[in-house]
Amino acid sequence: MVEVVATQVQTYRVRRSNGTEAVVVASDDRNTLEIYGRTADRKVWIKRNDMNAEMTQTAVISVIKGLERFGSSDYSDIAEYVKTEFNNKFGKTWHCLVILRGGFSVQNETNCYICLDIDDYMVVLFKQ
């Protein structure tokens, strides 16, 4: 028996501060991401997600814009940027964690949670 699992791959172009574009590939399947992400500037593994498509797209793009704007070591600035983007677009109150691998437990509103794996860290975004 062969199991077929539907996965999604999204490709985004995010403008960097220097005017060039970063090609970003996002997927909920790590193997698919490795295949499609070979030529991408950034790969985003969507580990867990219960957001709608618009929120998911906004989350991925906001995180990448935060990384491009603040660099990968300014975690609190990236988190603040993403949180502010979501508060402005989807209403308050959103929380964002940018962490180097680890465990966490959060309580969130329904359809308001995403966990992204980018490079060596995770981004957790949720509304409470």
C-alpha atoms as a PDB file:
ATOM      1  CA  MET A   1       0.000   0.000   0.000  1.00  0.00           C
ATOM      2  CA  VAL A   2       1.296   3.430  -0.929  1.00  0.00           C
ATOM      3  CA  GLU A   3       0.379   6.353   1.251  1.00  0.00           C
ATOM      4  CA  VAL A   4      -0.079   9.646  -0.565  1.00  0.00           C
ATOM      5  CA  VAL A   5       0.247  12.755   1.549  1.00  0.00           C
ATOM      6  CA  ALA A   6      -0.711  16.113   0.092  1.00  0.00           C
ATOM      7  CA  THR A   7       1.795  18.833   0.852  1.00  0.00           C
ATOM      8  CA  GLN A   8       1.902  22.455  -0.075  1.00  0.00           C
ATOM      9  CA  VAL A   9       4.842  24.454  -1.326  1.00  0.00           C
ATOM     10  CA  GLN A  10       4.668  28.229  -1.387  1.00  0.00           C
ATOM     11  CA  THR A  11       7.202  30.484  -3.070  1.00  0.00           C
ATOM     12  CA  TYR A  12       7.571  34.122  -2.087  1.00  0.00           C
ATOM     13  CA  ARG A  13       9.762  36.967  -3.246  1.00  0.00           C
ATOM     14  CA  VAL A  14      10.657  39.344  -0.440  1.00  0.00           C
ATOM     15  CA  ARG A  15      12.389  42.642  -1.184  1.00  0.00           C
ATOM     16  CA  ARG A  16      15.544  43.196   0.835  1.00  0.00           C
ATOM     17  CA  SER A  17      16.633  46.587   2.148  1.00  0.00           C
ATOM     18  CA  ASN A  18      19.305  46.750  -0.586  1.00  0.00           C
ATOM     19  CA  GLY A  19      16.613  46.444  -3.284  1.00  0.00           C
ATOM     20  CA  THR A  20      17.308  42.840  -4.293  1.00  0.00           C
ATOM     21  CA  GLU A  21      14.773  40.064  -3.841  1.00  0.00           C
ATOM     22  CA  ALA A  22      15.110  37.039  -1.600  1.00  0.00           C
ATOM     23  CA  VAL A  23      13.448  33.891  -2.922  1.00  0.00           C
ATOM     24  CA  VAL A  24      11.698  32.087  -0.079  1.00  0.00           C
ATOM     25  CA  VAL A  25      10.248  28.585  -0.246  1.00  0.00           C
ATOM     26  CA  ALA A  26       7.900  27.381   2.500  1.00  0.00           C
ATOM     27  CA  SER A  27       6.357  23.950   3.004  1.00  0.00           C
ATOM     28  CA  ASP A  28       4.743  21.839   5.687  1.00  0.00           C
ATOM     29  CA  ASP A  29       6.838  18.839   4.562  1.00  0.00           C
ATOM     30  CA  ARG A  30      10.575  18.850   5.252  1.00  0.00           C
ATOM     31  CA  ASN A  31      11.460  16.436   2.414  1.00  0.00           C
ATOM     32  CA  THR A  32       9.496  18.457  -0.121  1.00  0.00           C
ATOM     33  CA  LEU A  33      11.149  21.606   1.200  1.00  0.00           C
ATOM     34  CA  GLU A  34      14.609  20.142   0.608  1.00  0.00           C
ATOM     35  CA  ILE A  35      13.731  19.316  -2.999  1.00  0.00           C
ATOM     36  CA  TYR A  36      12.059  22.606  -3.898  1.00  0.00           C
ATOM     37  CA  GLY A  37      14.273  24.776  -1.724  1.00  0.00           C
ATOM     38  CA  ARG A  38      17.604  23.988  -3.364  1.00  0.00           C
ATOM     39  CA  THR A  39      17.730  27.288  -5.229  1.00  0.00           C
ATOM     40  CA  ALA A  40      15.974  29.404  -2.589  1.00  0.00           C
ATOM     41  CA  ASP A  41      17.647  32.062  -0.460  1.00  0.00           C
ATOM     42  CA  ARG A  42      15.587  30.974   2.557  1.00  0.00           C
ATOM     43  CA  LYS A  43      13.720  27.763   3.377  1.00  0.00           C
ATOM     44  CA  VAL A  44      10.843  27.831   5.861  1.00  0.00           C
ATOM     45  CA  TRP A  45       9.508  24.589   7.315  1.00  0.00           C
ATOM     46  CA  ILE A  46       5.976  25.097   8.597  1.00  0.00           C
ATOM     47  CA  LYS A  47       6.131  22.680  11.542  1.00  0.00           C
ATOM     48  CA  ARG A  48       2.683  23.344  12.976  1.00  0.00           C
ATOM     49  CA  ASN A  49      -0.043  25.575  11.675  1.00  0.00           C
ATOM     50  CA  ASP A  50      -3.729  26.187  12.215  1.00  0.00           C
ATOM     51  CA  MET A  51      -3.873  29.590  10.483  1.00  0.00           C
ATOM     52  CA  ASN A  52      -5.737  30.340   7.280  1.00  0.00           C
ATOM     53  CA  ALA A  53      -3.802  30.904   4.043  1.00  0.00           C
ATOM     54  CA  GLU A  54      -3.669  34.709   4.378  1.00  0.00           C
ATOM     55  CA  MET A  55      -2.294  34.567   7.920  1.00  0.00           C
ATOM     56  CA  THR A  56       0.210  31.867   6.979  1.00  0.00           C
ATOM     57  CA  GLN A  57       1.498  33.950   4.079  1.00  0.00           C
ATOM     58  CA  THR A  58       1.715  37.041   6.283  1.00  0.00           C
ATOM     59  CA  ALA A  59       3.594  35.073   8.953  1.00  0.00           C
ATOM     60  CA  VAL A  60       6.199  33.717   6.537  1.00  0.00           C
ATOM     61  CA  ILE A  61       6.731  37.062   4.805  1.00  0.00           C
ATOM     62  CA  SER A  62       6.853  39.036   8.085  1.00  0.00           C
ATOM     63  CA  VAL A  63       9.437  36.686   9.578  1.00  0.00           C
ATOM     64  CA  ILE A  64      11.621  36.849   6.473  1.00  0.00           C
ATOM     65  CA  LYS A  65      11.327  40.655   6.362  1.00  0.00           C
ATOM     66  CA  GLY A  66      12.299  40.766  10.037  1.00  0.00           C
ATOM     67  CA  LEU A  67      15.328  38.576   9.376  1.00  0.00           C
ATOM     68  CA  GLU A  68      16.393  40.676   6.420  1.00  0.00           C
ATOM     69  CA  ARG A  69      15.903  43.901   8.362  1.00  0.00           C
ATOM     70  CA  PHE A  70      17.462  42.983  11.720  1.00  0.00           C
ATOM     71  CA  GLY A  71      19.781  40.061  10.970  1.00  0.00           C
ATOM     72  CA  SER A  72      19.548  36.611  12.443  1.00  0.00           C
ATOM     73  CA  SER A  73      20.917  37.517  15.897  1.00  0.00           C
ATOM     74  CA  ASP A  74      18.446  40.248  16.914  1.00  0.00           C
ATOM     75  CA  TYR A  75      15.743  37.846  18.047  1.00  0.00           C
ATOM     76  CA  SER A  76      13.787  40.340  20.136  1.00  0.00           C
ATOM     77  CA  ASP A  77      13.681  42.886  17.291  1.00  0.00           C
ATOM     78  CA  ILE A  78      12.495  40.223  14.846  1.00  0.00           C
ATOM     79  CA  ALA A  79       9.814  39.060  17.300  1.00  0.00           C
ATOM     80  CA  GLU A  80       8.640  42.630  17.937  1.00  0.00           C
ATOM     81  CA  TYR A  81       8.465  43.327  14.190  1.00  0.00           C
ATOM     82  CA  VAL A  82       6.376  40.207  13.478  1.00  0.00           C
ATOM     83  CA  LYS A  83       4.096  40.826  16.473  1.00  0.00           C
ATOM     84  CA  THR A  84       3.484  44.426  15.405  1.00  0.00           C
ATOM     85  CA  GLU A  85       2.705  43.368  11.825  1.00  0.00           C
ATOM     86  CA  PHE A  86       0.098  40.887  13.091  1.00  0.00           C
ATOM     87  CA  ASN A  87      -1.410  43.265  15.657  1.00  0.00           C
ATOM     88  CA  ASN A  88      -1.855  45.876  12.918  1.00  0.00           C
ATOM     89  CA  LYS A  89      -3.276  43.507  10.311  1.00  0.00           C
ATOM     90  CA  PHE A  90      -5.288  41.007  12.382  1.00  0.00           C
ATOM     91  CA  GLY A  91      -6.044  42.831  15.640  1.00  0.00           C
ATOM     92  CA  LYS A  92      -4.504  42.424  19.072  1.00  0.00           C
ATOM     93  CA  THR A  93      -3.037  40.576  20.990  1.00  0.00           C
ATOM     94  CA  TRP A  94      -0.355  38.529  19.208  1.00  0.00           C
ATOM     95  CA  HIS A  95       2.810  37.086  20.746  1.00  0.00           C
ATOM     96  CA  CYS A  96       5.974  36.048  18.919  1.00  0.00           C
ATOM     97  CA  LEU A  97       8.889  33.948  20.143  1.00  0.00           C
ATOM     98  CA  VAL A  98      12.127  33.654  18.196  1.00  0.00           C
ATOM     99  CA  ILE A  99      14.226  30.925  19.814  1.00  0.00           C
ATOM    100  CA  LEU A 100      17.103  28.591  19.181  1.00  0.00           C
ATOM    101  CA  ARG A 101      15.532  25.136  19.213  1.00  0.00           C
ATOM    102  CA  GLY A 102      13.780  24.140  22.370  1.00  0.00           C
ATOM    103  CA  GLY A 103      10.492  23.246  23.915  1.00  0.00           C
ATOM    104  CA  PHE A 104       7.574  25.466  24.737  1.00  0.00           C
ATOM    105  CA  SER A 105       3.901  25.310  25.562  1.00  0.00           C
ATOM    106  CA  VAL A 106       1.428  28.067  24.784  1.00  0.00           C
ATOM    107  CA  GLN A 107      -2.300  28.560  24.953  1.00  0.00           C
ATOM    108  CA  ASN A 108      -3.761  30.216  21.881  1.00  0.00           C
ATOM    109  CA  GLU A 109      -6.997  31.165  20.220  1.00  0.00           C
ATOM    110  CA  THR A 110      -8.327  28.747  17.617  1.00  0.00           C
ATOM    111  CA  ASN A 111      -6.852  29.278  14.134  1.00  0.00           C
ATOM    112  CA  CYS A 112      -4.224  31.664  15.510  1.00  0.00           C
ATOM    113  CA  TYR A 113      -1.020  29.604  15.833  1.00  0.00           C
ATOM    114  CA  ILE A 114       2.005  28.839  13.658  1.00  0.00           C
ATOM    115  CA  CYS A 115       5.454  27.397  14.318  1.00  0.00           C
ATOM    116  CA  LEU A 116       8.124  27.979  11.671  1.00  0.00           C
ATOM    117  CA  ASP A 117      11.578  26.413  11.460  1.00  0.00           C
ATOM    118  CA  ILE A 118      14.087  28.664   9.683  1.00  0.00           C
ATOM    119  CA  ASP A 119      17.802  27.904   9.666  1.00  0.00           C
ATOM    120  CA  ASP A 120      18.861  27.224  13.279  1.00  0.00           C
ATOM    121  CA  TYR A 121      15.875  28.668  15.080  1.00  0.00           C
ATOM    122  CA  MET A 122      12.126  28.505  15.478  1.00  0.00           C
ATOM    123  CA  VAL A 123       9.536  31.238  15.307  1.00  0.00           C
ATOM    124  CA  VAL A 124       6.309  30.719  17.224  1.00  0.00           C
ATOM    125  CA  LEU A 125       3.465  33.156  16.595  1.00  0.00           C
ATOM    126  CA  PHE A 126       0.141  32.969  18.387  1.00  0.00           C
ATOM    127  CA  LYS A 127      -2.798  35.061  19.500  1.00  0.00           C
ATOM    128  CA  GLN A 128      -4.083  34.922  23.038  1.00  0.00           C
END
